[in-house]
Amino acid sequence: HAADIASVQGSGKYKRAFEGSGAPAEIVLQYPSTLKG
């Protein structure tokens, strides 16, 4: 998953995309199939 390679945890290579405090939002993106996003 994208969240497995790009998150604020761990390496410190990423930061919040939007201003604010606390953990960044995590979303699930649906693809054009019945499989989980």
PDB file of all heavy atoms in Angstrom:
ATOM      1  N   HIS A   1       0.840  -1.198   0.000  1.00  0.00           N
ATOM      2  CA  HIS A   1       0.000   0.000   0.000  1.00  0.00           C
ATOM      3  C   HIS A   1       0.880   1.254   0.000  1.00  0.00           C
ATOM      4  O   HIS A   1       2.011   1.235   0.507  1.00  0.00           O
ATOM      5  CB  HIS A   1      -0.914   0.015   1.215  1.00  0.00           C
ATOM      6  CG  HIS A   1      -1.990  -1.012   1.180  1.00  0.00           C
ATOM      7  ND1 HIS A   1      -3.300  -0.723   0.892  1.00  0.00           N
ATOM      8  CD2 HIS A   1      -1.950  -2.361   1.380  1.00  0.00           C
ATOM      9  CE1 HIS A   1      -4.024  -1.825   0.923  1.00  0.00           C
ATOM     10  NE2 HIS A   1      -3.226  -2.839   1.218  1.00  0.00           N
ATOM     11  N   ALA A   2       0.348   2.327  -0.545  1.00  0.00           N
ATOM     12  CA  ALA A   2       1.089   3.591  -0.537  1.00  0.00           C
ATOM     13  C   ALA A   2       1.462   3.998   0.882  1.00  0.00           C
ATOM     14  O   ALA A   2       2.550   4.533   1.114  1.00  0.00           O
ATOM     15  CB  ALA A   2       0.257   4.684  -1.206  1.00  0.00           C
ATOM     16  N   ALA A   3       0.569   3.741   1.830  1.00  0.00           N
ATOM     17  CA  ALA A   3       0.847   4.107   3.223  1.00  0.00           C
ATOM     18  C   ALA A   3       1.995   3.299   3.816  1.00  0.00           C
ATOM     19  O   ALA A   3       2.585   3.692   4.824  1.00  0.00           O
ATOM     20  CB  ALA A   3      -0.412   3.910   4.071  1.00  0.00           C
ATOM     21  N   ASP A   4       2.346   2.168   3.182  1.00  0.00           N
ATOM     22  CA  ASP A   4       3.464   1.357   3.668  1.00  0.00           C
ATOM     23  C   ASP A   4       4.807   1.968   3.301  1.00  0.00           C
ATOM     24  O   ASP A   4       5.810   1.705   3.976  1.00  0.00           O
ATOM     25  CB  ASP A   4       3.392  -0.064   3.087  1.00  0.00           C
ATOM     26  CG  ASP A   4       2.158  -0.831   3.527  1.00  0.00           C
ATOM     27  OD1 ASP A   4       1.671  -0.556   4.641  1.00  0.00           O
ATOM     28  OD2 ASP A   4       1.687  -1.702   2.765  1.00  0.00           O
ATOM     29  N   ILE A   5       4.840   2.747   2.240  1.00  0.00           N
ATOM     30  CA  ILE A   5       6.116   3.322   1.803  1.00  0.00           C
ATOM     31  C   ILE A   5       6.191   4.829   1.990  1.00  0.00           C
ATOM     32  O   ILE A   5       7.262   5.424   1.825  1.00  0.00           O
ATOM     33  CB  ILE A   5       6.387   2.990   0.314  1.00  0.00           C
ATOM     34  CG1 ILE A   5       5.298   3.586  -0.588  1.00  0.00           C
ATOM     35  CG2 ILE A   5       6.504   1.500   0.098  1.00  0.00           C
ATOM     36  CD1 ILE A   5       5.627   3.515  -2.073  1.00  0.00           C
ATOM     37  N   ALA A   6       5.071   5.463   2.313  1.00  0.00           N
ATOM     38  CA  ALA A   6       5.060   6.920   2.473  1.00  0.00           C
ATOM     39  C   ALA A   6       4.187   7.294   3.664  1.00  0.00           C
ATOM     40  O   ALA A   6       2.955   7.352   3.557  1.00  0.00           O
ATOM     41  CB  ALA A   6       4.545   7.592   1.205  1.00  0.00           C
ATOM     42  N   SER A   7       4.824   7.554   4.800  1.00  0.00           N
ATOM     43  CA  SER A   7       4.098   7.938   6.006  1.00  0.00           C
ATOM     44  C   SER A   7       5.007   8.807   6.869  1.00  0.00           C
ATOM     45  O   SER A   7       6.221   8.896   6.627  1.00  0.00           O
ATOM     46  CB  SER A   7       3.654   6.702   6.796  1.00  0.00           C
ATOM     47  OG  SER A   7       4.780   6.028   7.338  1.00  0.00           O
ATOM     48  N   VAL A   8       4.437   9.435   7.860  1.00  0.00           N
ATOM     49  CA  VAL A   8       5.239  10.301   8.734  1.00  0.00           C
ATOM     50  C   VAL A   8       5.992   9.489   9.774  1.00  0.00           C
ATOM     51  O   VAL A   8       6.903   9.994  10.427  1.00  0.00           O
ATOM     52  CB  VAL A   8       4.354  11.343   9.441  1.00  0.00           C
ATOM     53  CG1 VAL A   8       3.770  12.320   8.448  1.00  0.00           C
ATOM     54  CG2 VAL A   8       3.251  10.671  10.256  1.00  0.00           C
ATOM     55  N   GLN A   9       5.643   8.242   9.932  1.00  0.00           N
ATOM     56  CA  GLN A   9       6.342   7.403  10.889  1.00  0.00           C
ATOM     57  C   GLN A   9       7.672   6.932  10.302  1.00  0.00           C
ATOM     58  O   GLN A   9       7.815   6.778   9.099  1.00  0.00           O
ATOM     59  CB  GLN A   9       5.506   6.170  11.263  1.00  0.00           C
ATOM     60  CG  GLN A   9       4.243   6.472  12.048  1.00  0.00           C
ATOM     61  CD  GLN A   9       3.078   6.872  11.166  1.00  0.00           C
ATOM     62  OE1 GLN A   9       3.124   6.670   9.965  1.00  0.00           O
ATOM     63  NE2 GLN A   9       2.057   7.459  11.768  1.00  0.00           N
ATOM     64  N   GLY A  10       8.616   6.680  11.164  1.00  0.00           N
ATOM     65  CA  GLY A  10       9.843   6.023  10.732  1.00  0.00           C
ATOM     66  C   GLY A  10      10.925   6.957  10.250  1.00  0.00           C
ATOM     67  O   GLY A  10      11.528   7.700  11.033  1.00  0.00           O
ATOM     68  N   SER A  11      11.190   6.982   8.965  1.00  0.00           N
ATOM     69  CA  SER A  11      12.400   7.596   8.409  1.00  0.00           C
ATOM     70  C   SER A  11      12.433   9.117   8.492  1.00  0.00           C
ATOM     71  O   SER A  11      13.489   9.719   8.382  1.00  0.00           O
ATOM     72  CB  SER A  11      12.546   7.193   6.940  1.00  0.00           C
ATOM     73  OG  SER A  11      11.483   7.720   6.173  1.00  0.00           O
ATOM     74  N   GLY A  12      11.287   9.756   8.647  1.00  0.00           N
ATOM     75  CA  GLY A  12      11.255  11.215   8.651  1.00  0.00           C
ATOM     76  C   GLY A  12      11.339  11.828   7.266  1.00  0.00           C
ATOM     77  O   GLY A  12      11.542  13.034   7.122  1.00  0.00           O
ATOM     78  N   LYS A  13      11.155  11.007   6.225  1.00  0.00           N
ATOM     79  CA  LYS A  13      11.228  11.516   4.857  1.00  0.00           C
ATOM     80  C   LYS A  13       9.948  12.220   4.420  1.00  0.00           C
ATOM     81  O   LYS A  13       9.923  12.861   3.381  1.00  0.00           O
ATOM     82  CB  LYS A  13      11.518  10.367   3.883  1.00  0.00           C
ATOM     83  CG  LYS A  13      12.913   9.787   4.019  1.00  0.00           C
ATOM     84  CD  LYS A  13      13.142   8.715   2.952  1.00  0.00           C
ATOM     85  CE  LYS A  13      14.555   8.183   3.021  1.00  0.00           C
ATOM     86  NZ  LYS A  13      14.801   7.152   1.974  1.00  0.00           N
ATOM     87  N   TYR A  14       8.877  12.087   5.212  1.00  0.00           N
ATOM     88  CA  TYR A  14       7.585  12.653   4.811  1.00  0.00           C
ATOM     89  C   TYR A  14       7.044  13.587   5.887  1.00  0.00           C
ATOM     90  O   TYR A  14       7.367  13.453   7.076  1.00  0.00           O
ATOM     91  CB  TYR A  14       6.580  11.535   4.526  1.00  0.00           C
ATOM     92  CG  TYR A  14       6.861  10.809   3.231  1.00  0.00           C
ATOM     93  CD1 TYR A  14       7.783   9.766   3.175  1.00  0.00           C
ATOM     94  CD2 TYR A  14       6.234  11.201   2.049  1.00  0.00           C
ATOM     95  CE1 TYR A  14       8.068   9.124   1.976  1.00  0.00           C
ATOM     96  CE2 TYR A  14       6.512  10.556   0.853  1.00  0.00           C
ATOM     97  CZ  TYR A  14       7.421   9.523   0.819  1.00  0.00           C
ATOM     98  OH  TYR A  14       7.703   8.904  -0.363  1.00  0.00           O
ATOM     99  N   LYS A  15       6.220  14.528   5.460  1.00  0.00           N
ATOM    100  CA  LYS A  15       5.544  15.450   6.370  1.00  0.00           C
ATOM    101  C   LYS A  15       4.089  15.587   5.931  1.00  0.00           C
ATOM    102  O   LYS A  15       3.719  15.180   4.830  1.00  0.00           O
ATOM    103  CB  LYS A  15       6.231  16.813   6.358  1.00  0.00           C
ATOM    104  CG  LYS A  15       6.269  17.453   4.980  1.00  0.00           C
ATOM    105  CD  LYS A  15       7.068  18.759   4.993  1.00  0.00           C
ATOM    106  CE  LYS A  15       7.125  19.370   3.590  1.00  0.00           C
ATOM    107  NZ  LYS A  15       7.907  20.632   3.580  1.00  0.00           N
ATOM    108  N   ARG A  16       3.290  16.171   6.783  1.00  0.00           N
ATOM    109  CA  ARG A  16       1.873  16.361   6.468  1.00  0.00           C
ATOM    110  C   ARG A  16       1.717  17.135   5.159  1.00  0.00           C
ATOM    111  O   ARG A  16       2.431  18.097   4.905  1.00  0.00           O
ATOM    112  CB  ARG A  16       1.170  17.148   7.566  1.00  0.00           C
ATOM    113  CG  ARG A  16       0.969  16.415   8.877  1.00  0.00           C
ATOM    114  CD  ARG A  16       0.256  17.348   9.873  1.00  0.00           C
ATOM    115  NE  ARG A  16      -1.028  17.787   9.320  1.00  0.00           N
ATOM    116  CZ  ARG A  16      -2.203  17.267   9.636  1.00  0.00           C
ATOM    117  NH1 ARG A  16      -2.258  16.290  10.518  1.00  0.00           N
ATOM    118  NH2 ARG A  16      -3.307  17.719   9.093  1.00  0.00           N
ATOM    119  N   ALA A  17       0.750  16.714   4.348  1.00  0.00           N
ATOM    120  CA  ALA A  17       0.479  17.435   3.105  1.00  0.00           C
ATOM    121  C   ALA A  17      -0.302  18.711   3.362  1.00  0.00           C
ATOM    122  O   ALA A  17      -0.156  19.702   2.652  1.00  0.00           O
ATOM    123  CB  ALA A  17      -0.291  16.544   2.141  1.00  0.00           C
ATOM    124  N   PHE A  18      -1.137  18.675   4.383  1.00  0.00           N
ATOM    125  CA  PHE A  18      -1.980  19.827   4.701  1.00  0.00           C
ATOM    126  C   PHE A  18      -1.615  20.347   6.085  1.00  0.00           C
ATOM    127  O   PHE A  18      -1.189  19.577   6.953  1.00  0.00           O
ATOM    128  CB  PHE A  18      -3.457  19.440   4.670  1.00  0.00           C
ATOM    129  CG  PHE A  18      -3.915  18.925   3.333  1.00  0.00           C
ATOM    130  CD1 PHE A  18      -3.877  17.572   3.038  1.00  0.00           C
ATOM    131  CD2 PHE A  18      -4.383  19.806   2.366  1.00  0.00           C
ATOM    132  CE1 PHE A  18      -4.295  17.096   1.806  1.00  0.00           C
ATOM    133  CE2 PHE A  18      -4.800  19.340   1.128  1.00  0.00           C
ATOM    134  CZ  PHE A  18      -4.760  17.988   0.843  1.00  0.00           C
ATOM    135  N   GLU A  19      -1.776  21.625   6.275  1.00  0.00           N
ATOM    136  CA  GLU A  19      -1.445  22.221   7.565  1.00  0.00           C
ATOM    137  C   GLU A  19      -2.325  21.652   8.663  1.00  0.00           C
ATOM    138  O   GLU A  19      -3.479  21.295   8.434  1.00  0.00           O
ATOM    139  CB  GLU A  19      -1.612  23.739   7.507  1.00  0.00           C
ATOM    140  CG  GLU A  19      -0.574  24.427   6.613  1.00  0.00           C
ATOM    141  CD  GLU A  19      -0.724  25.935   6.623  1.00  0.00           C
ATOM    142  OE1 GLU A  19      -1.644  26.422   7.323  1.00  0.00           O
ATOM    143  OE2 GLU A  19       0.066  26.601   5.950  1.00  0.00           O
ATOM    144  N   GLY A  20      -1.766  21.581   9.848  1.00  0.00           N
ATOM    145  CA  GLY A  20      -2.513  21.062  10.981  1.00  0.00           C
ATOM    146  C   GLY A  20      -1.576  20.367  11.944  1.00  0.00           C
ATOM    147  O   GLY A  20      -0.375  20.267  11.724  1.00  0.00           O
ATOM    148  N   SER A  21      -2.137  19.885  13.005  1.00  0.00           N
ATOM    149  CA  SER A  21      -1.347  19.192  14.019  1.00  0.00           C
ATOM    150  C   SER A  21      -1.831  17.748  14.117  1.00  0.00           C
ATOM    151  O   SER A  21      -2.912  17.392  13.629  1.00  0.00           O
ATOM    152  CB  SER A  21      -1.493  19.886  15.385  1.00  0.00           C
ATOM    153  OG  SER A  21      -2.857  19.932  15.766  1.00  0.00           O
ATOM    154  N   GLY A  22      -1.023  16.944  14.748  1.00  0.00           N
ATOM    155  CA  GLY A  22      -1.379  15.545  14.906  1.00  0.00           C
ATOM    156  C   GLY A  22      -1.048  14.731  13.666  1.00  0.00           C
ATOM    157  O   GLY A  22      -0.409  15.204  12.729  1.00  0.00           O
ATOM    158  N   ALA A  23      -1.506  13.500  13.676  1.00  0.00           N
ATOM    159  CA  ALA A  23      -1.207  12.590  12.563  1.00  0.00           C
ATOM    160  C   ALA A  23      -1.960  13.018  11.306  1.00  0.00           C
ATOM    161  O   ALA A  23      -3.092  13.507  11.396  1.00  0.00           O
ATOM    162  CB  ALA A  23      -1.597  11.165  12.940  1.00  0.00           C
ATOM    163  N   PRO A  24      -1.359  12.849  10.145  1.00  0.00           N
ATOM    164  CA  PRO A  24      -2.059  13.180   8.903  1.00  0.00           C
ATOM    165  C   PRO A  24      -3.204  12.211   8.669  1.00  0.00           C
ATOM    166  O   PRO A  24      -3.214  11.092   9.191  1.00  0.00           O
ATOM    167  CB  PRO A  24      -0.971  13.021   7.836  1.00  0.00           C
ATOM    168  CG  PRO A  24      -0.001  12.059   8.425  1.00  0.00           C
ATOM    169  CD  PRO A  24      -0.004  12.325   9.902  1.00  0.00           C
ATOM    170  N   ALA A  25      -4.173  12.645   7.897  1.00  0.00           N
ATOM    171  CA  ALA A  25      -5.306  11.772   7.587  1.00  0.00           C
ATOM    172  C   ALA A  25      -4.842  10.580   6.761  1.00  0.00           C
ATOM    173  O   ALA A  25      -3.886  10.668   5.998  1.00  0.00           O
ATOM    174  CB  ALA A  25      -6.365  12.563   6.820  1.00  0.00           C
ATOM    175  N   GLU A  26      -5.527   9.460   6.941  1.00  0.00           N
ATOM    176  CA  GLU A  26      -5.282   8.285   6.107  1.00  0.00           C
ATOM    177  C   GLU A  26      -6.586   7.951   5.397  1.00  0.00           C
ATOM    178  O   GLU A  26      -7.640   7.896   6.026  1.00  0.00           O
ATOM    179  CB  GLU A  26      -4.804   7.099   6.938  1.00  0.00           C
ATOM    180  CG  GLU A  26      -4.452   5.893   6.091  1.00  0.00           C
ATOM    181  CD  GLU A  26      -3.718   4.803   6.853  1.00  0.00           C
ATOM    182  OE1 GLU A  26      -2.609   5.069   7.370  1.00  0.00           O
ATOM    183  OE2 GLU A  26      -4.265   3.677   6.938  1.00  0.00           O
ATOM    184  N   ILE A  27      -6.506   7.751   4.108  1.00  0.00           N
ATOM    185  CA  ILE A  27      -7.699   7.453   3.318  1.00  0.00           C
ATOM    186  C   ILE A  27      -7.546   6.091   2.649  1.00  0.00           C
ATOM    187  O   ILE A  27      -6.446   5.554   2.563  1.00  0.00           O
ATOM    188  CB  ILE A  27      -7.966   8.521   2.241  1.00  0.00           C
ATOM    189  CG1 ILE A  27      -6.851   8.494   1.189  1.00  0.00           C
ATOM    190  CG2 ILE A  27      -8.115   9.904   2.859  1.00  0.00           C
ATOM    191  CD1 ILE A  27      -7.179   9.269  -0.067  1.00  0.00           C
ATOM    192  N   VAL A  28      -8.659   5.568   2.176  1.00  0.00           N
ATOM    193  CA  VAL A  28      -8.650   4.365   1.340  1.00  0.00           C
ATOM    194  C   VAL A  28      -9.178   4.781  -0.021  1.00  0.00           C
ATOM    195  O   VAL A  28     -10.249   5.385  -0.125  1.00  0.00           O
ATOM    196  CB  VAL A  28      -9.512   3.240   1.943  1.00  0.00           C
ATOM    197  CG1 VAL A  28      -9.605   2.072   0.968  1.00  0.00           C
ATOM    198  CG2 VAL A  28      -8.935   2.785   3.280  1.00  0.00           C
ATOM    199  N   LEU A  29      -8.423   4.477  -1.062  1.00  0.00           N
ATOM    200  CA  LEU A  29      -8.803   4.838  -2.423  1.00  0.00           C
ATOM    201  C   LEU A  29      -9.324   3.602  -3.145  1.00  0.00           C
ATOM    202  O   LEU A  29      -8.648   2.575  -3.219  1.00  0.00           O
ATOM    203  CB  LEU A  29      -7.593   5.403  -3.170  1.00  0.00           C
ATOM    204  CG  LEU A  29      -7.854   5.970  -4.566  1.00  0.00           C
ATOM    205  CD1 LEU A  29      -8.708   7.237  -4.478  1.00  0.00           C
ATOM    206  CD2 LEU A  29      -6.539   6.275  -5.286  1.00  0.00           C
ATOM    207  N   GLN A  30     -10.546   3.713  -3.684  1.00  0.00           N
ATOM    208  CA  GLN A  30     -11.150   2.588  -4.379  1.00  0.00           C
ATOM    209  C   GLN A  30     -10.676   2.527  -5.830  1.00  0.00           C
ATOM    210  O   GLN A  30     -10.551   3.551  -6.502  1.00  0.00           O
ATOM    211  CB  GLN A  30     -12.680   2.702  -4.350  1.00  0.00           C
ATOM    212  CG  GLN A  30     -13.402   1.525  -4.964  1.00  0.00           C
ATOM    213  CD  GLN A  30     -13.104   0.209  -4.258  1.00  0.00           C
ATOM    214  OE1 GLN A  30     -13.030   0.169  -3.028  1.00  0.00           O
ATOM    215  NE2 GLN A  30     -12.917  -0.855  -5.016  1.00  0.00           N
ATOM    216  N   TYR A  31     -10.421   1.312  -6.297  1.00  0.00           N
ATOM    217  CA  TYR A  31     -10.044   1.092  -7.694  1.00  0.00           C
ATOM    218  C   TYR A  31     -11.230   0.473  -8.426  1.00  0.00           C
ATOM    219  O   TYR A  31     -12.199   0.022  -7.803  1.00  0.00           O
ATOM    220  CB  TYR A  31      -8.808   0.183  -7.777  1.00  0.00           C
ATOM    221  CG  TYR A  31      -7.516   0.886  -7.420  1.00  0.00           C
ATOM    222  CD1 TYR A  31      -7.223   1.228  -6.094  1.00  0.00           C
ATOM    223  CD2 TYR A  31      -6.608   1.228  -8.410  1.00  0.00           C
ATOM    224  CE1 TYR A  31      -6.042   1.885  -5.772  1.00  0.00           C
ATOM    225  CE2 TYR A  31      -5.426   1.878  -8.101  1.00  0.00           C
ATOM    226  CZ  TYR A  31      -5.145   2.208  -6.784  1.00  0.00           C
ATOM    227  OH  TYR A  31      -3.980   2.866  -6.470  1.00  0.00           O
ATOM    228  N   PRO A  32     -11.183   0.420  -9.756  1.00  0.00           N
ATOM    229  CA  PRO A  32     -12.341  -0.055 -10.535  1.00  0.00           C
ATOM    230  C   PRO A  32     -12.480  -1.580 -10.537  1.00  0.00           C
ATOM    231  O   PRO A  32     -12.375  -2.251 -11.559  1.00  0.00           O
ATOM    232  CB  PRO A  32     -12.053   0.482 -11.937  1.00  0.00           C
ATOM    233  CG  PRO A  32     -10.566   0.554 -12.003  1.00  0.00           C
ATOM    234  CD  PRO A  32     -10.126   0.955 -10.641  1.00  0.00           C
ATOM    235  N   SER A  33     -12.732  -2.133  -9.360  1.00  0.00           N
ATOM    236  CA  SER A  33     -12.956  -3.564  -9.185  1.00  0.00           C
ATOM    237  C   SER A  33     -13.684  -3.747  -7.857  1.00  0.00           C
ATOM    238  O   SER A  33     -13.906  -2.779  -7.125  1.00  0.00           O
ATOM    239  CB  SER A  33     -11.628  -4.327  -9.171  1.00  0.00           C
ATOM    240  OG  SER A  33     -10.846  -3.961  -8.041  1.00  0.00           O
ATOM    241  N   THR A  34     -14.036  -4.983  -7.538  1.00  0.00           N
ATOM    242  CA  THR A  34     -14.717  -5.224  -6.257  1.00  0.00           C
ATOM    243  C   THR A  34     -13.729  -5.393  -5.113  1.00  0.00           C
ATOM    244  O   THR A  34     -14.135  -5.524  -3.957  1.00  0.00           O
ATOM    245  CB  THR A  34     -15.571  -6.509  -6.338  1.00  0.00           C
ATOM    246  OG1 THR A  34     -14.727  -7.624  -6.621  1.00  0.00           O
ATOM    247  CG2 THR A  34     -16.651  -6.384  -7.406  1.00  0.00           C
ATOM    248  N   LEU A  35     -12.438  -5.373  -5.401  1.00  0.00           N
ATOM    249  CA  LEU A  35     -11.425  -5.612  -4.379  1.00  0.00           C
ATOM    250  C   LEU A  35     -11.258  -4.399  -3.475  1.00  0.00           C
ATOM    251  O   LEU A  35     -11.518  -3.265  -3.882  1.00  0.00           O
ATOM    252  CB  LEU A  35     -10.099  -5.958  -5.056  1.00  0.00           C
ATOM    253  CG  LEU A  35     -10.172  -7.199  -5.951  1.00  0.00           C
ATOM    254  CD1 LEU A  35      -8.931  -7.329  -6.802  1.00  0.00           C
ATOM    255  CD2 LEU A  35     -10.366  -8.454  -5.109  1.00  0.00           C
ATOM    256  N   LYS A  36     -10.816  -4.650  -2.264  1.00  0.00           N
ATOM    257  CA  LYS A  36     -10.635  -3.559  -1.317  1.00  0.00           C
ATOM    258  C   LYS A  36      -9.573  -2.599  -1.824  1.00  0.00           C
ATOM    259  O   LYS A  36      -8.607  -2.994  -2.466  1.00  0.00           O
ATOM    260  CB  LYS A  36     -10.237  -4.121   0.048  1.00  0.00           C
ATOM    261  CG  LYS A  36     -11.380  -4.863   0.748  1.00  0.00           C
ATOM    262  CD  LYS A  36     -10.991  -5.285   2.152  1.00  0.00           C
ATOM    263  CE  LYS A  36     -12.163  -5.967   2.842  1.00  0.00           C
ATOM    264  NZ  LYS A  36     -11.822  -6.421   4.205  1.00  0.00           N
ATOM    265  N   GLY A  37      -9.752  -1.325  -1.502  1.00  0.00           N
ATOM    266  CA  GLY A  37      -8.889  -0.279  -2.032  1.00  0.00           C
ATOM    267  C   GLY A  37      -7.542  -0.184  -1.355  1.00  0.00           C
ATOM    268  O   GLY A  37      -7.169  -1.016  -0.520  1.00  0.00           O
TER     269      GLY A  37
END
